[in-house]
Amino acid sequence: MSKAAEKLTQFANDARKNNIVKNAFNGEDDANGYSATHTKALSDQETPIKGKGTGVYLDTYNGGGELDILGNPNYGGSGRLAAIAYNQSQWGMSPQNPYTAPEL
């Protein structure tokens, strides 16, 4: 193995050790165990950027963080609400006229 490869391997091993220490996951401890209802999985006030779910199976409408819903202020038209408004204005999508997959 070349000296460069040895240095890279050593750097990777050191970085791996540092990252493992940061991982607070503990499947045996309810407070640290990860699940669909853990705060880092939910879109809640405690961890608003990290979590995206609601804890309800396949609830993609209500989940997401603030940026997912409202969009990034640096990118006009981004976010779920802007996409819904665009689809309603351009394509007439609504609860009464939903998108449907074509018959194949």
PDB file of N, CA and C in Angstrom:
ATOM      1  N   MET A   1       0.852  -1.170   0.000  1.00  0.00           N
ATOM      2  CA  MET A   1       0.000   0.000   0.000  1.00  0.00           C
ATOM      3  C   MET A   1       0.900   1.236   0.000  1.00  0.00           C
ATOM      4  N   SER A   2       0.556   2.223  -0.809  1.00  0.00           N
ATOM      5  CA  SER A   2       1.368   3.438  -0.882  1.00  0.00           C
ATOM      6  C   SER A   2       1.183   4.279   0.375  1.00  0.00           C
ATOM      7  N   LYS A   3       2.113   5.208   0.570  1.00  0.00           N
ATOM      8  CA  LYS A   3       2.017   6.084   1.745  1.00  0.00           C
ATOM      9  C   LYS A   3       0.749   6.938   1.684  1.00  0.00           C
ATOM     10  N   ALA A   4       0.354   7.382   0.504  1.00  0.00           N
ATOM     11  CA  ALA A   4      -0.869   8.179   0.364  1.00  0.00           C
ATOM     12  C   ALA A   4      -2.096   7.351   0.738  1.00  0.00           C
ATOM     13  N   ALA A   5      -2.115   6.103   0.298  1.00  0.00           N
ATOM     14  CA  ALA A   5      -3.243   5.221   0.623  1.00  0.00           C
ATOM     15  C   ALA A   5      -3.282   4.939   2.119  1.00  0.00           C
ATOM     16  N   GLU A   6      -2.116   4.767   2.737  1.00  0.00           N
ATOM     17  CA  GLU A   6      -2.060   4.530   4.179  1.00  0.00           C
ATOM     18  C   GLU A   6      -2.582   5.737   4.946  1.00  0.00           C
ATOM     19  N   LYS A   7      -2.193   6.947   4.510  1.00  0.00           N
ATOM     20  CA  LYS A   7      -2.665   8.170   5.174  1.00  0.00           C
ATOM     21  C   LYS A   7      -4.183   8.311   5.019  1.00  0.00           C
ATOM     22  N   LEU A   8      -4.673   8.022   3.830  1.00  0.00           N
ATOM     23  CA  LEU A   8      -6.109   8.116   3.586  1.00  0.00           C
ATOM     24  C   LEU A   8      -6.877   7.113   4.435  1.00  0.00           C
ATOM     25  N   THR A   9      -6.368   5.899   4.548  1.00  0.00           N
ATOM     26  CA  THR A   9      -7.000   4.876   5.377  1.00  0.00           C
ATOM     27  C   THR A   9      -7.012   5.310   6.836  1.00  0.00           C
ATOM     28  N   GLN A  10      -5.913   5.854   7.320  1.00  0.00           N
ATOM     29  CA  GLN A  10      -5.841   6.309   8.714  1.00  0.00           C
ATOM     30  C   GLN A  10      -6.822   7.459   8.955  1.00  0.00           C
ATOM     31  N   PHE A  11      -6.890   8.399   8.019  1.00  0.00           N
ATOM     32  CA  PHE A  11      -7.828   9.518   8.139  1.00  0.00           C
ATOM     33  C   PHE A  11      -9.272   9.010   8.182  1.00  0.00           C
ATOM     34  N   ALA A  12      -9.587   8.063   7.315  1.00  0.00           N
ATOM     35  CA  ALA A  12     -10.941   7.499   7.280  1.00  0.00           C
ATOM     36  C   ALA A  12     -11.281   6.781   8.577  1.00  0.00           C
ATOM     37  N   ASN A  13     -10.337   6.032   9.111  1.00  0.00           N
ATOM     38  CA  ASN A  13     -10.569   5.324  10.373  1.00  0.00           C
ATOM     39  C   ASN A  13     -10.798   6.301  11.517  1.00  0.00           C
ATOM     40  N   ASP A  14     -10.027   7.393  11.560  1.00  0.00           N
ATOM     41  CA  ASP A  14     -10.209   8.400  12.607  1.00  0.00           C
ATOM     42  C   ASP A  14     -11.570   9.091  12.467  1.00  0.00           C
ATOM     43  N   ALA A  15     -11.949   9.427  11.248  1.00  0.00           N
ATOM     44  CA  ALA A  15     -13.245  10.080  11.018  1.00  0.00           C
ATOM     45  C   ALA A  15     -14.387   9.153  11.407  1.00  0.00           C
ATOM     46  N   ARG A  16     -14.256   7.873  11.109  1.00  0.00           N
ATOM     47  CA  ARG A  16     -15.283   6.892  11.464  1.00  0.00           C
ATOM     48  C   ARG A  16     -15.461   6.828  12.980  1.00  0.00           C
ATOM     49  N   LYS A  17     -14.356   6.803  13.722  1.00  0.00           N
ATOM     50  CA  LYS A  17     -14.427   6.773  15.187  1.00  0.00           C
ATOM     51  C   LYS A  17     -15.162   8.005  15.716  1.00  0.00           C
ATOM     52  N   ASN A  18     -14.868   9.171  15.166  1.00  0.00           N
ATOM     53  CA  ASN A  18     -15.533  10.402  15.611  1.00  0.00           C
ATOM     54  C   ASN A  18     -17.020  10.379  15.317  1.00  0.00           C
ATOM     55  N   ASN A  19     -17.414   9.844  14.181  1.00  0.00           N
ATOM     56  CA  ASN A  19     -18.829   9.798  13.823  1.00  0.00           C
ATOM     57  C   ASN A  19     -19.595   8.776  14.648  1.00  0.00           C
ATOM     58  N   ILE A  20     -18.983   7.666  14.969  1.00  0.00           N
ATOM     59  CA  ILE A  20     -19.648   6.649  15.789  1.00  0.00           C
ATOM     60  C   ILE A  20     -19.944   7.206  17.174  1.00  0.00           C
ATOM     61  N   VAL A  21     -19.032   8.004  17.720  1.00  0.00           N
ATOM     62  CA  VAL A  21     -19.236   8.606  19.042  1.00  0.00           C
ATOM     63  C   VAL A  21     -20.462   9.528  19.027  1.00  0.00           C
ATOM     64  N   LYS A  22     -20.724  10.223  17.928  1.00  0.00           N
ATOM     65  CA  LYS A  22     -21.842  11.158  17.818  1.00  0.00           C
ATOM     66  C   LYS A  22     -23.192  10.457  17.715  1.00  0.00           C
ATOM     67  N   ASN A  23     -23.210   9.209  17.313  1.00  0.00           N
ATOM     68  CA  ASN A  23     -24.456   8.488  17.100  1.00  0.00           C
ATOM     69  C   ASN A  23     -25.075   8.125  18.444  1.00  0.00           C
ATOM     70  N   ALA A  24     -26.232   8.738  18.772  1.00  0.00           N
ATOM     71  CA  ALA A  24     -26.882   8.513  20.064  1.00  0.00           C
ATOM     72  C   ALA A  24     -27.928   7.404  20.001  1.00  0.00           C
ATOM     73  N   PHE A  25     -28.003   6.706  18.879  1.00  0.00           N
ATOM     74  CA  PHE A  25     -29.009   5.654  18.738  1.00  0.00           C
ATOM     75  C   PHE A  25     -28.762   4.537  19.738  1.00  0.00           C
ATOM     76  N   ASN A  26     -29.817   4.123  20.399  1.00  0.00           N
ATOM     77  CA  ASN A  26     -29.753   2.995  21.315  1.00  0.00           C
ATOM     78  C   ASN A  26     -31.114   2.319  21.263  1.00  0.00           C
ATOM     79  N   GLY A  27     -31.198   1.217  20.569  1.00  0.00           N
ATOM     80  CA  GLY A  27     -32.467   0.529  20.389  1.00  0.00           C
ATOM     81  C   GLY A  27     -33.068  -0.027  21.665  1.00  0.00           C
ATOM     82  N   GLU A  28     -32.261  -0.169  22.719  1.00  0.00           N
ATOM     83  CA  GLU A  28     -32.753  -0.710  23.986  1.00  0.00           C
ATOM     84  C   GLU A  28     -33.364   0.371  24.875  1.00  0.00           C
ATOM     85  N   ASP A  29     -32.982   1.620  24.661  1.00  0.00           N
ATOM     86  CA  ASP A  29     -33.436   2.727  25.502  1.00  0.00           C
ATOM     87  C   ASP A  29     -34.549   3.481  24.780  1.00  0.00           C
ATOM     88  N   ASP A  30     -35.751   3.517  25.350  1.00  0.00           N
ATOM     89  CA  ASP A  30     -36.886   4.181  24.697  1.00  0.00           C
ATOM     90  C   ASP A  30     -36.611   5.652  24.408  1.00  0.00           C
ATOM     91  N   ALA A  31     -35.847   6.318  25.264  1.00  0.00           N
ATOM     92  CA  ALA A  31     -35.562   7.737  25.060  1.00  0.00           C
ATOM     93  C   ALA A  31     -34.658   7.966  23.856  1.00  0.00           C
ATOM     94  N   ASN A  32     -33.754   7.040  23.576  1.00  0.00           N
ATOM     95  CA  ASN A  32     -32.819   7.198  22.470  1.00  0.00           C
ATOM     96  C   ASN A  32     -33.120   6.303  21.286  1.00  0.00           C
ATOM     97  N   GLY A  33     -34.045   5.376  21.427  1.00  0.00           N
ATOM     98  CA  GLY A  33     -34.385   4.483  20.329  1.00  0.00           C
ATOM     99  C   GLY A  33     -35.050   5.257  19.202  1.00  0.00           C
ATOM    100  N   TYR A  34     -34.847   4.840  17.986  1.00  0.00           N
ATOM    101  CA  TYR A  34     -35.413   5.548  16.841  1.00  0.00           C
ATOM    102  C   TYR A  34     -36.626   4.791  16.320  1.00  0.00           C
ATOM    103  N   SER A  35     -37.692   5.536  16.043  1.00  0.00           N
ATOM    104  CA  SER A  35     -38.909   4.943  15.507  1.00  0.00           C
ATOM    105  C   SER A  35     -39.636   6.001  14.691  1.00  0.00           C
ATOM    106  N   ALA A  36     -40.759   5.646  14.124  1.00  0.00           N
ATOM    107  CA  ALA A  36     -41.540   6.586  13.318  1.00  0.00           C
ATOM    108  C   ALA A  36     -42.120   7.714  14.159  1.00  0.00           C
ATOM    109  N   THR A  37     -42.132   7.563  15.483  1.00  0.00           N
ATOM    110  CA  THR A  37     -42.677   8.617  16.338  1.00  0.00           C
ATOM    111  C   THR A  37     -41.590   9.341  17.133  1.00  0.00           C
ATOM    112  N   HIS A  38     -40.310   9.060  16.856  1.00  0.00           N
ATOM    113  CA  HIS A  38     -39.197   9.766  17.506  1.00  0.00           C
ATOM    114  C   HIS A  38     -39.203  11.210  17.023  1.00  0.00           C
ATOM    115  N   THR A  39     -38.801  12.154  17.891  1.00  0.00           N
ATOM    116  CA  THR A  39     -38.850  13.569  17.522  1.00  0.00           C
ATOM    117  C   THR A  39     -38.013  13.885  16.283  1.00  0.00           C
ATOM    118  N   LYS A  40     -36.940  13.145  16.057  1.00  0.00           N
ATOM    119  CA  LYS A  40     -36.135  13.415  14.868  1.00  0.00           C
ATOM    120  C   LYS A  40     -36.742  12.825  13.605  1.00  0.00           C
ATOM    121  N   ALA A  41     -37.809  12.069  13.739  1.00  0.00           N
ATOM    122  CA  ALA A  41     -38.524  11.557  12.575  1.00  0.00           C
ATOM    123  C   ALA A  41     -39.770  12.394  12.295  1.00  0.00           C
ATOM    124  N   LEU A  42     -40.251  13.105  13.311  1.00  0.00           N
ATOM    125  CA  LEU A  42     -41.485  13.874  13.172  1.00  0.00           C
ATOM    126  C   LEU A  42     -41.213  15.318  12.781  1.00  0.00           C
ATOM    127  N   SER A  43     -42.156  15.894  12.098  1.00  0.00           N
ATOM    128  CA  SER A  43     -42.120  17.320  11.808  1.00  0.00           C
ATOM    129  C   SER A  43     -42.796  18.021  12.981  1.00  0.00           C
ATOM    130  N   ASP A  44     -42.005  18.281  14.019  1.00  0.00           N
ATOM    131  CA  ASP A  44     -42.561  18.898  15.221  1.00  0.00           C
ATOM    132  C   ASP A  44     -41.752  20.146  15.588  1.00  0.00           C
ATOM    133  N   GLN A  45     -42.124  20.790  16.662  1.00  0.00           N
ATOM    134  CA  GLN A  45     -41.431  22.006  17.081  1.00  0.00           C
ATOM    135  C   GLN A  45     -40.083  21.719  17.737  1.00  0.00           C
ATOM    136  N   GLU A  46     -39.884  20.514  18.240  1.00  0.00           N
ATOM    137  CA  GLU A  46     -38.632  20.183  18.923  1.00  0.00           C
ATOM    138  C   GLU A  46     -37.472  20.066  17.940  1.00  0.00           C
ATOM    139  N   THR A  47     -37.692  19.405  16.817  1.00  0.00           N
ATOM    140  CA  THR A  47     -36.657  19.247  15.792  1.00  0.00           C
ATOM    141  C   THR A  47     -37.285  19.529  14.427  1.00  0.00           C
ATOM    142  N   PRO A  48     -37.650  20.785  14.150  1.00  0.00           N
ATOM    143  CA  PRO A  48     -38.432  21.088  12.946  1.00  0.00           C
ATOM    144  C   PRO A  48     -37.717  20.847  11.620  1.00  0.00           C
ATOM    145  N   ILE A  49     -36.416  20.987  11.572  1.00  0.00           N
ATOM    146  CA  ILE A  49     -35.708  20.813  10.299  1.00  0.00           C
ATOM    147  C   ILE A  49     -35.443  19.347  10.013  1.00  0.00           C
ATOM    148  N   LYS A  50     -35.155  18.569  11.056  1.00  0.00           N
ATOM    149  CA  LYS A  50     -34.771  17.177  10.852  1.00  0.00           C
ATOM    150  C   LYS A  50     -35.940  16.286  10.489  1.00  0.00           C
ATOM    151  N   GLY A  51     -37.036  16.395  11.217  1.00  0.00           N
ATOM    152  CA  GLY A  51     -38.147  15.476  11.026  1.00  0.00           C
ATOM    153  C   GLY A  51     -39.034  15.856   9.861  1.00  0.00           C
ATOM    154  N   LYS A  52     -39.590  14.856   9.205  1.00  0.00           N
ATOM    155  CA  LYS A  52     -40.472  15.106   8.061  1.00  0.00           C
ATOM    156  C   LYS A  52     -41.808  14.400   8.191  1.00  0.00           C
ATOM    157  N   GLY A  53     -41.919  13.423   9.063  1.00  0.00           N
ATOM    158  CA  GLY A  53     -43.134  12.623   9.163  1.00  0.00           C
ATOM    159  C   GLY A  53     -44.118  13.146  10.194  1.00  0.00           C
ATOM    160  N   THR A  54     -45.273  12.496  10.250  1.00  0.00           N
ATOM    161  CA  THR A  54     -46.311  12.847  11.220  1.00  0.00           C
ATOM    162  C   THR A  54     -46.558  11.718  12.203  1.00  0.00           C
ATOM    163  N   GLY A  55     -45.973  10.551  11.964  1.00  0.00           N
ATOM    164  CA  GLY A  55     -46.224   9.389  12.804  1.00  0.00           C
ATOM    165  C   GLY A  55     -47.419   8.594  12.325  1.00  0.00           C
ATOM    166  N   VAL A  56     -48.111   9.095  11.317  1.00  0.00           N
ATOM    167  CA  VAL A  56     -49.264   8.405  10.732  1.00  0.00           C
ATOM    168  C   VAL A  56     -48.786   7.751   9.431  1.00  0.00           C
ATOM    169  N   TYR A  57     -49.092   6.497   9.248  1.00  0.00           N
ATOM    170  CA  TYR A  57     -48.618   5.731   8.096  1.00  0.00           C
ATOM    171  C   TYR A  57     -48.989   6.408   6.768  1.00  0.00           C
ATOM    172  N   LEU A  58     -47.991   6.675   5.951  1.00  0.00           N
ATOM    173  CA  LEU A  58     -48.130   7.268   4.617  1.00  0.00           C
ATOM    174  C   LEU A  58     -48.847   8.613   4.610  1.00  0.00           C
ATOM    175  N   ASP A  59     -48.710   9.389   5.666  1.00  0.00           N
ATOM    176  CA  ASP A  59     -49.295  10.727   5.710  1.00  0.00           C
ATOM    177  C   ASP A  59     -48.308  11.703   5.085  1.00  0.00           C
ATOM    178  N   THR A  60     -48.301  11.778   3.769  1.00  0.00           N
ATOM    179  CA  THR A  60     -47.372  12.656   3.078  1.00  0.00           C
ATOM    180  C   THR A  60     -47.919  14.070   2.927  1.00  0.00           C
ATOM    181  N   TYR A  61     -49.189  14.265   3.162  1.00  0.00           N
ATOM    182  CA  TYR A  61     -49.780  15.593   2.997  1.00  0.00           C
ATOM    183  C   TYR A  61     -49.419  16.517   4.151  1.00  0.00           C
ATOM    184  N   ASN A  62     -49.434  16.030   5.376  1.00  0.00           N
ATOM    185  CA  ASN A  62     -49.231  16.874   6.546  1.00  0.00           C
ATOM    186  C   ASN A  62     -47.779  16.935   7.019  1.00  0.00           C
ATOM    187  N   GLY A  63     -46.930  16.076   6.535  1.00  0.00           N
ATOM    188  CA  GLY A  63     -45.552  16.037   6.999  1.00  0.00           C
ATOM    189  C   GLY A  63     -44.699  17.113   6.366  1.00  0.00           C
ATOM    190  N   GLY A  64     -43.450  17.117   6.742  1.00  0.00           N
ATOM    191  CA  GLY A  64     -42.491  18.053   6.182  1.00  0.00           C
ATOM    192  C   GLY A  64     -42.163  19.167   7.139  1.00  0.00           C
ATOM    193  N   GLY A  65     -41.016  19.772   6.921  1.00  0.00           N
ATOM    194  CA  GLY A  65     -40.596  20.914   7.709  1.00  0.00           C
ATOM    195  C   GLY A  65     -41.099  22.202   7.092  1.00  0.00           C
ATOM    196  N   GLU A  66     -40.762  23.313   7.737  1.00  0.00           N
ATOM    197  CA  GLU A  66     -41.213  24.617   7.264  1.00  0.00           C
ATOM    198  C   GLU A  66     -40.754  24.899   5.835  1.00  0.00           C
ATOM    199  N   LEU A  67     -39.506  24.543   5.520  1.00  0.00           N
ATOM    200  CA  LEU A  67     -39.007  24.770   4.158  1.00  0.00           C
ATOM    201  C   LEU A  67     -39.723  23.887   3.147  1.00  0.00           C
ATOM    202  N   ASP A  68     -40.074  22.659   3.553  1.00  0.00           N
ATOM    203  CA  ASP A  68     -40.806  21.773   2.649  1.00  0.00           C
ATOM    204  C   ASP A  68     -42.180  22.355   2.314  1.00  0.00           C
ATOM    205  N   ILE A  69     -42.816  22.943   3.313  1.00  0.00           N
ATOM    206  CA  ILE A  69     -44.177  23.435   3.135  1.00  0.00           C
ATOM    207  C   ILE A  69     -44.192  24.827   2.506  1.00  0.00           C
ATOM    208  N   LEU A  70     -43.445  25.768   3.105  1.00  0.00           N
ATOM    209  CA  LEU A  70     -43.472  27.157   2.645  1.00  0.00           C
ATOM    210  C   LEU A  70     -42.474  27.444   1.534  1.00  0.00           C
ATOM    211  N   GLY A  71     -41.450  26.640   1.435  1.00  0.00           N
ATOM    212  CA  GLY A  71     -40.432  26.850   0.419  1.00  0.00           C
ATOM    213  C   GLY A  71     -39.264  27.652   0.956  1.00  0.00           C
ATOM    214  N   ASN A  72     -38.215  27.688   0.182  1.00  0.00           N
ATOM    215  CA  ASN A  72     -37.017  28.435   0.522  1.00  0.00           C
ATOM    216  C   ASN A  72     -37.196  29.864   0.036  1.00  0.00           C
ATOM    217  N   PRO A  73     -37.036  30.864   0.919  1.00  0.00           N
ATOM    218  CA  PRO A  73     -37.236  32.245   0.494  1.00  0.00           C
ATOM    219  C   PRO A  73     -36.293  32.683  -0.618  1.00  0.00           C
ATOM    220  N   ASN A  74     -35.177  31.987  -0.781  1.00  0.00           N
ATOM    221  CA  ASN A  74     -34.235  32.327  -1.853  1.00  0.00           C
ATOM    222  C   ASN A  74     -34.663  31.782  -3.216  1.00  0.00           C
ATOM    223  N   TYR A  75     -35.667  30.894  -3.220  1.00  0.00           N
ATOM    224  CA  TYR A  75     -36.111  30.271  -4.457  1.00  0.00           C
ATOM    225  C   TYR A  75     -37.623  30.411  -4.565  1.00  0.00           C
ATOM    226  N   GLY A  76     -38.054  31.450  -5.245  1.00  0.00           N
ATOM    227  CA  GLY A  76     -39.477  31.694  -5.401  1.00  0.00           C
ATOM    228  C   GLY A  76     -40.185  30.515  -6.048  1.00  0.00           C
ATOM    229  N   GLY A  77     -41.367  30.198  -5.540  1.00  0.00           N
ATOM    230  CA  GLY A  77     -42.150  29.109  -6.095  1.00  0.00           C
ATOM    231  C   GLY A  77     -41.799  27.749  -5.537  1.00  0.00           C
ATOM    232  N   SER A  78     -40.829  27.696  -4.620  1.00  0.00           N
ATOM    233  CA  SER A  78     -40.486  26.400  -4.030  1.00  0.00           C
ATOM    234  C   SER A  78     -41.429  26.119  -2.870  1.00  0.00           C
ATOM    235  N   GLY A  79     -41.494  24.886  -2.455  1.00  0.00           N
ATOM    236  CA  GLY A  79     -42.348  24.495  -1.341  1.00  0.00           C
ATOM    237  C   GLY A  79     -43.656  23.897  -1.806  1.00  0.00           C
ATOM    238  N   ARG A  80     -44.273  23.154  -0.903  1.00  0.00           N
ATOM    239  CA  ARG A  80     -45.510  22.435  -1.208  1.00  0.00           C
ATOM    240  C   ARG A  80     -46.663  23.377  -1.535  1.00  0.00           C
ATOM    241  N   LEU A  81     -46.810  24.457  -0.751  1.00  0.00           N
ATOM    242  CA  LEU A  81     -47.943  25.353  -0.975  1.00  0.00           C
ATOM    243  C   LEU A  81     -47.857  26.029  -2.348  1.00  0.00           C
ATOM    244  N   ALA A  82     -46.659  26.404  -2.748  1.00  0.00           N
ATOM    245  CA  ALA A  82     -46.489  27.016  -4.072  1.00  0.00           C
ATOM    246  C   ALA A  82     -46.786  26.006  -5.177  1.00  0.00           C
ATOM    247  N   ALA A  83     -46.374  24.749  -4.977  1.00  0.00           N
ATOM    248  CA  ALA A  83     -46.642  23.717  -5.977  1.00  0.00           C
ATOM    249  C   ALA A  83     -48.143  23.455  -6.098  1.00  0.00           C
ATOM    250  N   ILE A  84     -48.837  23.439  -4.953  1.00  0.00           N
ATOM    251  CA  ILE A  84     -50.293  23.238  -4.985  1.00  0.00           C
ATOM    252  C   ILE A  84     -50.968  24.404  -5.701  1.00  0.00           C
ATOM    253  N   ALA A  85     -50.564  25.629  -5.372  1.00  0.00           N
ATOM    254  CA  ALA A  85     -51.155  26.811  -6.019  1.00  0.00           C
ATOM    255  C   ALA A  85     -50.911  26.784  -7.522  1.00  0.00           C
ATOM    256  N   TYR A  86     -49.701  26.409  -7.932  1.00  0.00           N
ATOM    257  CA  TYR A  86     -49.386  26.335  -9.356  1.00  0.00           C
ATOM    258  C   TYR A  86     -50.249  25.292 -10.054  1.00  0.00           C
ATOM    259  N   ASN A  87     -50.353  24.114  -9.468  1.00  0.00           N
ATOM    260  CA  ASN A  87     -51.154  23.055 -10.075  1.00  0.00           C
ATOM    261  C   ASN A  87     -52.627  23.436 -10.169  1.00  0.00           C
ATOM    262  N   GLN A  88     -53.117  24.154  -9.164  1.00  0.00           N
ATOM    263  CA  GLN A  88     -54.518  24.581  -9.206  1.00  0.00           C
ATOM    264  C   GLN A  88     -54.731  25.629 -10.292  1.00  0.00           C
ATOM    265  N   SER A  89     -53.806  26.578 -10.405  1.00  0.00           N
ATOM    266  CA  SER A  89     -53.992  27.654 -11.384  1.00  0.00           C
ATOM    267  C   SER A  89     -53.716  27.200 -12.815  1.00  0.00           C
ATOM    268  N   GLN A  90     -52.704  26.361 -13.015  1.00  0.00           N
ATOM    269  CA  GLN A  90     -52.323  25.953 -14.365  1.00  0.00           C
ATOM    270  C   GLN A  90     -53.087  24.747 -14.890  1.00  0.00           C
ATOM    271  N   TRP A  91     -53.440  23.833 -13.995  1.00  0.00           N
ATOM    272  CA  TRP A  91     -54.007  22.579 -14.449  1.00  0.00           C
ATOM    273  C   TRP A  91     -55.404  22.307 -13.904  1.00  0.00           C
ATOM    274  N   GLY A  92     -55.924  23.211 -13.087  1.00  0.00           N
ATOM    275  CA  GLY A  92     -57.261  23.029 -12.549  1.00  0.00           C
ATOM    276  C   GLY A  92     -57.365  21.916 -11.531  1.00  0.00           C
ATOM    277  N   MET A  93     -56.236  21.536 -10.931  1.00  0.00           N
ATOM    278  CA  MET A  93     -56.262  20.476  -9.920  1.00  0.00           C
ATOM    279  C   MET A  93     -56.962  20.986  -8.669  1.00  0.00           C
ATOM    280  N   SER A  94     -57.764  20.156  -8.068  1.00  0.00           N
ATOM    281  CA  SER A  94     -58.463  20.490  -6.832  1.00  0.00           C
ATOM    282  C   SER A  94     -58.980  19.192  -6.233  1.00  0.00           C
ATOM    283  N   PRO A  95     -59.496  19.240  -4.999  1.00  0.00           N
ATOM    284  CA  PRO A  95     -60.084  18.023  -4.447  1.00  0.00           C
ATOM    285  C   PRO A  95     -61.222  17.484  -5.322  1.00  0.00           C
ATOM    286  N   GLN A  96     -61.908  18.377  -6.024  1.00  0.00           N
ATOM    287  CA  GLN A  96     -62.991  17.948  -6.912  1.00  0.00           C
ATOM    288  C   GLN A  96     -62.466  17.448  -8.262  1.00  0.00           C
ATOM    289  N   ASN A  97     -61.267  17.874  -8.613  1.00  0.00           N
ATOM    290  CA  ASN A  97     -60.639  17.485  -9.888  1.00  0.00           C
ATOM    291  C   ASN A  97     -59.201  17.019  -9.610  1.00  0.00           C
ATOM    292  N   PRO A  98     -59.043  15.862  -8.950  1.00  0.00           N
ATOM    293  CA  PRO A  98     -57.693  15.404  -8.563  1.00  0.00           C
ATOM    294  C   PRO A  98     -56.930  14.826  -9.747  1.00  0.00           C
ATOM    295  N   TYR A  99     -55.645  14.729  -9.564  1.00  0.00           N
ATOM    296  CA  TYR A  99     -54.803  14.066 -10.553  1.00  0.00           C
ATOM    297  C   TYR A  99     -55.103  12.578 -10.515  1.00  0.00           C
ATOM    298  N   THR A 100     -55.234  11.977 -11.648  1.00  0.00           N
ATOM    299  CA  THR A 100     -55.421  10.527 -11.723  1.00  0.00           C
ATOM    300  C   THR A 100     -54.417   9.951 -12.710  1.00  0.00           C
ATOM    301  N   ALA A 101     -53.985   8.765 -12.428  1.00  0.00           N
ATOM    302  CA  ALA A 101     -53.051   8.097 -13.326  1.00  0.00           C
ATOM    303  C   ALA A 101     -53.827   7.603 -14.556  1.00  0.00           C
ATOM    304  N   PRO A 102     -53.216   7.662 -15.713  1.00  0.00           N
ATOM    305  CA  PRO A 102     -53.898   7.201 -16.905  1.00  0.00           C
ATOM    306  C   PRO A 102     -54.090   5.691 -16.901  1.00  0.00           C
ATOM    307  N   GLU A 103     -55.117   5.240 -17.567  1.00  0.00           N
ATOM    308  CA  GLU A 103     -55.344   3.796 -17.729  1.00  0.00           C
ATOM    309  C   GLU A 103     -54.288   3.265 -18.690  1.00  0.00           C
ATOM    310  N   LEU A 104     -53.663   2.173 -18.330  1.00  0.00           N
ATOM    311  CA  LEU A 104     -52.641   1.580 -19.206  1.00  0.00           C
ATOM    312  C   LEU A 104     -53.151   0.338 -19.871  1.00  0.00           C
TER     313      LEU A 104
END
